[in-house]
Protein backbone atom coordinates (compact mmCIF):
# COMPACT_ATOMS: atom_id res chain seq x y z
CA MET A 1 -8.36 -15.55 -17.34
CA ILE A 2 -10.82 -13.79 -15.03
CA THR A 3 -11.25 -10.03 -15.44
CA ILE A 4 -12.97 -7.65 -13.01
CA LYS A 5 -14.15 -4.08 -13.55
CA HIS A 6 -14.17 -1.25 -11.03
CA ARG A 7 -14.33 2.52 -11.51
CA ASN A 8 -13.57 2.33 -15.27
CA ALA A 9 -10.63 -0.04 -14.75
CA MET A 10 -10.52 -3.54 -16.25
CA VAL A 11 -8.16 -5.74 -14.24
CA ARG A 12 -6.98 -9.22 -15.13
CA LEU A 13 -6.53 -11.61 -12.23
CA SER A 14 -4.15 -14.51 -11.69
CA GLU A 15 -4.66 -17.57 -9.51
CA HIS A 16 -1.13 -17.10 -8.17
CA VAL A 17 -1.61 -13.45 -7.11
CA TYR A 18 -3.70 -12.02 -4.25
CA GLU A 19 -7.18 -11.36 -5.60
CA PRO A 20 -8.58 -7.89 -4.87
CA ALA A 21 -10.91 -8.03 -1.87
CA GLU A 22 -12.59 -5.58 0.51
CA ASP A 23 -9.24 -4.08 1.53
CA SER A 24 -8.26 -3.45 -2.10
CA TYR A 25 -11.56 -1.77 -2.94
CA LEU A 26 -11.45 0.44 0.15
CA LEU A 27 -7.90 1.57 -0.60
CA ALA A 28 -8.60 2.17 -4.30
CA ASP A 29 -11.73 4.22 -3.66
CA THR A 30 -10.05 6.28 -0.94
CA ALA A 31 -6.96 6.95 -3.06
CA LEU A 32 -9.14 8.01 -5.97
CA GLU A 33 -10.73 10.72 -3.84
CA LEU A 34 -7.35 12.23 -2.98
CA VAL A 35 -5.08 11.76 -6.00
CA SER A 36 -5.24 14.52 -8.62
CA ASP A 37 -4.07 14.87 -12.21
CA GLY A 38 -0.36 15.51 -12.62
CA MET A 39 0.76 13.76 -9.45
CA ASN A 40 3.55 11.21 -9.05
CA VAL A 41 2.27 8.09 -7.30
CA LEU A 42 4.06 5.00 -5.98
CA GLU A 43 2.27 1.84 -4.94
CA ILE A 44 4.30 -0.61 -2.87
CA GLY A 45 3.19 -4.24 -3.18
CA THR A 46 0.91 -3.60 -6.14
CA GLY A 47 -0.15 -7.24 -6.60
CA THR A 48 -2.47 -7.49 -9.59
CA GLY A 49 -2.14 -3.74 -10.01
CA PHE A 50 -5.79 -3.24 -9.04
CA VAL A 51 -5.41 -0.03 -7.00
CA SER A 52 -2.98 1.47 -9.50
CA ALA A 53 -5.22 0.51 -12.43
CA VAL A 54 -8.20 2.28 -10.84
CA LEU A 55 -6.11 5.42 -10.38
CA LYS A 56 -4.72 5.33 -13.92
CA ALA A 57 -8.17 4.78 -15.41
CA ASN A 58 -9.48 7.95 -13.77
CA ARG A 59 -6.53 10.30 -13.35
CA ASN A 60 -3.77 11.64 -15.59
CA ILE A 61 -0.87 10.70 -13.32
CA ARG A 62 2.63 9.27 -13.38
CA LEU A 63 2.55 5.99 -11.49
CA VAL A 64 4.92 3.16 -10.71
CA GLY A 65 4.33 0.01 -8.67
CA THR A 66 6.65 -2.45 -6.99
CA ASP A 67 6.17 -6.06 -5.97
CA ILE A 68 8.54 -8.74 -4.74
CA SER A 69 6.64 -11.51 -6.52
CA PRO A 70 7.56 -12.09 -10.18
CA LEU A 71 4.06 -13.48 -10.71
CA ALA A 72 2.45 -10.37 -9.29
CA ALA A 73 4.76 -8.09 -11.28
CA SER A 74 3.84 -9.93 -14.47
CA CYS A 75 0.12 -9.70 -13.68
CA ALA A 76 0.32 -5.96 -12.91
CA LYS A 77 2.21 -5.34 -16.15
CA SER A 78 -0.56 -7.13 -18.05
CA ASN A 79 -2.90 -4.56 -16.49
CA GLY A 80 -0.87 -1.65 -17.85
CA ILE A 81 1.09 -0.80 -14.71
CA ASP A 82 4.76 0.17 -14.83
CA VAL A 83 6.19 -2.28 -12.30
CA ILE A 84 9.60 -2.79 -10.76
CA ARG A 85 10.03 -6.29 -9.39
CA THR A 86 11.78 -5.55 -6.13
CA ASP A 87 11.47 -5.84 -2.36
CA MET A 88 9.57 -2.74 -1.32
CA PHE A 89 11.77 0.30 -2.18
CA THR A 90 14.89 -1.57 -3.25
CA GLY A 91 15.75 -0.64 -6.84
CA LEU A 92 14.15 2.81 -6.61
CA LYS A 93 16.18 6.01 -6.40
CA ALA A 94 15.75 7.85 -3.11
CA MET A 95 14.74 11.17 -4.66
CA HIS A 96 11.79 12.56 -2.64
CA GLN A 97 9.74 12.39 -5.84
CA PHE A 98 6.30 11.02 -4.98
CA ASP A 99 3.19 12.96 -3.98
CA PHE A 100 1.53 9.76 -2.75
CA VAL A 101 2.96 6.48 -1.55
CA ILE A 102 0.28 3.81 -1.23
CA PHE A 103 0.73 0.53 0.63
CA ASN A 104 -1.61 -2.35 1.38
CA PRO A 105 0.85 -4.44 3.39
CA PRO A 106 0.61 -8.10 4.31
CA TYR A 107 -1.08 -7.56 7.65
CA LEU A 108 -2.24 -10.93 8.91
CA PRO A 109 -0.45 -12.11 12.08
CA THR A 110 1.28 -15.27 10.84
CA SER A 111 3.17 -17.97 12.70
CA GLU A 112 5.60 -20.34 11.03
CA ASP A 113 3.01 -23.10 10.66
CA GLU A 114 0.50 -20.68 9.12
CA LYS A 115 2.67 -19.70 6.16
CA VAL A 116 1.43 -20.66 2.70
CA PRO A 117 3.80 -22.04 0.06
CA GLY A 118 5.21 -19.97 -2.76
CA TRP A 119 5.09 -16.29 -3.61
CA LEU A 120 1.52 -15.88 -2.38
CA ASN A 121 2.78 -15.96 1.21
CA TYR A 122 4.23 -12.46 0.71
CA ALA A 123 0.69 -11.12 0.26
CA PHE A 124 -0.54 -12.42 3.63
CA ASP A 125 2.36 -12.89 6.03
CA GLY A 126 2.71 -9.90 8.35
CA GLY A 127 4.92 -11.69 10.83
CA VAL A 128 3.89 -12.68 14.34
CA ASP A 129 2.14 -9.35 15.08
CA GLY A 130 1.10 -8.46 11.53
CA ARG A 131 3.30 -5.35 11.49
CA LYS A 132 6.64 -6.66 10.22
CA ASP A 133 6.51 -4.97 6.82
CA ILE A 134 4.85 -1.82 8.11
CA LYS A 135 7.86 -1.12 10.32
CA SER A 136 10.27 -1.62 7.42
CA PHE A 137 8.10 0.56 5.17
CA MET A 138 8.04 3.45 7.64
CA GLU A 139 11.82 3.29 8.08
CA GLN A 140 12.36 3.86 4.35
CA VAL A 141 9.45 5.87 2.98
CA CYS A 142 10.80 9.34 3.84
CA ASP A 143 13.50 9.02 1.20
CA TYR A 144 10.91 8.67 -1.57
CA LEU A 145 8.16 11.03 -0.46
CA LYS A 146 8.01 14.73 -1.25
CA PRO A 147 8.14 16.98 1.84
CA ASP A 148 4.40 17.62 1.54
CA GLY A 149 3.64 14.13 0.28
CA ILE A 150 1.08 11.76 1.73
CA ILE A 151 1.10 8.09 2.70
CA LEU A 152 -2.02 5.95 2.42
CA LEU A 153 -1.72 2.80 4.50
CA LEU A 154 -4.36 0.05 4.65
CA VAL A 155 -4.45 -1.92 7.90
CA SER A 156 -6.77 -4.25 9.77
CA SER A 157 -7.95 -4.45 13.35
CA LEU A 158 -6.18 -7.83 13.35
CA THR A 159 -2.92 -5.92 12.95
CA GLY A 160 -3.61 -3.50 15.79
CA ILE A 161 -4.75 -0.16 14.39
CA ASN A 162 -3.57 1.91 17.36
CA GLU A 163 -0.19 0.17 17.31
CA VAL A 164 0.23 0.94 13.61
CA MET A 165 -0.66 4.59 14.17
CA GLN A 166 1.94 4.77 16.95
CA GLU A 167 4.52 3.28 14.59
CA VAL A 168 3.64 5.91 11.98
CA GLU A 169 3.86 8.77 14.46
CA GLN A 170 7.17 7.53 15.90
CA SER A 171 8.54 7.73 12.36
CA GLY A 172 7.85 11.48 12.23
CA PHE A 173 4.37 11.55 10.69
CA SER A 174 0.93 12.62 11.78
CA SER A 175 -1.76 9.99 11.28
CA GLN A 176 -5.50 9.87 10.98
CA ILE A 177 -8.07 7.34 9.85
CA ILE A 178 -9.84 8.64 6.74
CA ALA A 179 -11.85 5.58 5.67
CA ARG A 180 -13.07 2.37 7.26
CA ASP A 181 -15.05 -0.75 6.42
CA LYS A 182 -16.42 -3.34 8.84
CA CYS A 183 -16.05 -6.91 7.58
CA SER A 184 -17.27 -10.09 9.23
CA PHE A 185 -14.24 -10.68 11.42
CA GLU A 186 -12.21 -7.47 11.17
CA GLU A 187 -12.33 -3.74 10.62
CA LEU A 188 -10.35 -2.31 7.73
CA VAL A 189 -9.08 1.27 7.83
CA VAL A 190 -7.09 3.58 5.61
CA ILE A 191 -4.58 5.67 7.53
CA GLU A 192 -3.45 8.96 6.01
CA ALA A 193 0.02 10.00 7.16
CA LYS A 194 1.73 13.35 6.60
CA ARG A 195 5.26 14.29 7.53
CA LEU A 196 5.57 16.53 10.58
CA ASN A 197 7.73 19.61 10.21
CA VAL A 198 10.82 20.08 12.37
CA SER A 199 9.12 22.26 14.98
CA GLU A 200 6.26 19.75 15.37
CA ASN A 201 8.76 16.91 15.76
CA ASN A 202 10.65 18.80 18.44
CA PHE A 203 7.44 19.60 20.27
CA LEU A 204 6.35 15.94 20.29
CA ASN A 205 9.77 14.77 21.42
């Protein structure tokens, strides 16, 4: 089994689970700058558990991950992550309990003939426009985030960064890009989203 090390975290990989790449490293490093000791953190779609493992190796936090893939859930557990095998938020109590909700969604625009077989497809397939799971995420996240909590969302220029930010803002959040990385064929960004208060929502509407 291959193991990688980053920021004091040792992470086991699996051939059947999305291997951490530039997007994973950007999200992990950005989250590490913002997450403090004592916080409650939720990572949706944790995969190998790489981002969560980096946070746990450097911060004294309470953290839980979710993943729809049983193979990913098993891999993340082997890396010391408390994982619930579920589809996004399903199986979690809607209790406004998390300071941070972190999500690296499947963001590649994917047609029917581009799908890959098995559970690995869930790590890549963002639907026709790459934003299928982002929309579903934004519709649910408010029930799990503290009023002053923060969302960290990793997206690609292939997904449409401006379109994602509009989706975030239409869901009642402010949004700003706080980190970016230029790869060979895409730009990766981390969007920080914070809930607008009632007066701000009314003003925007």
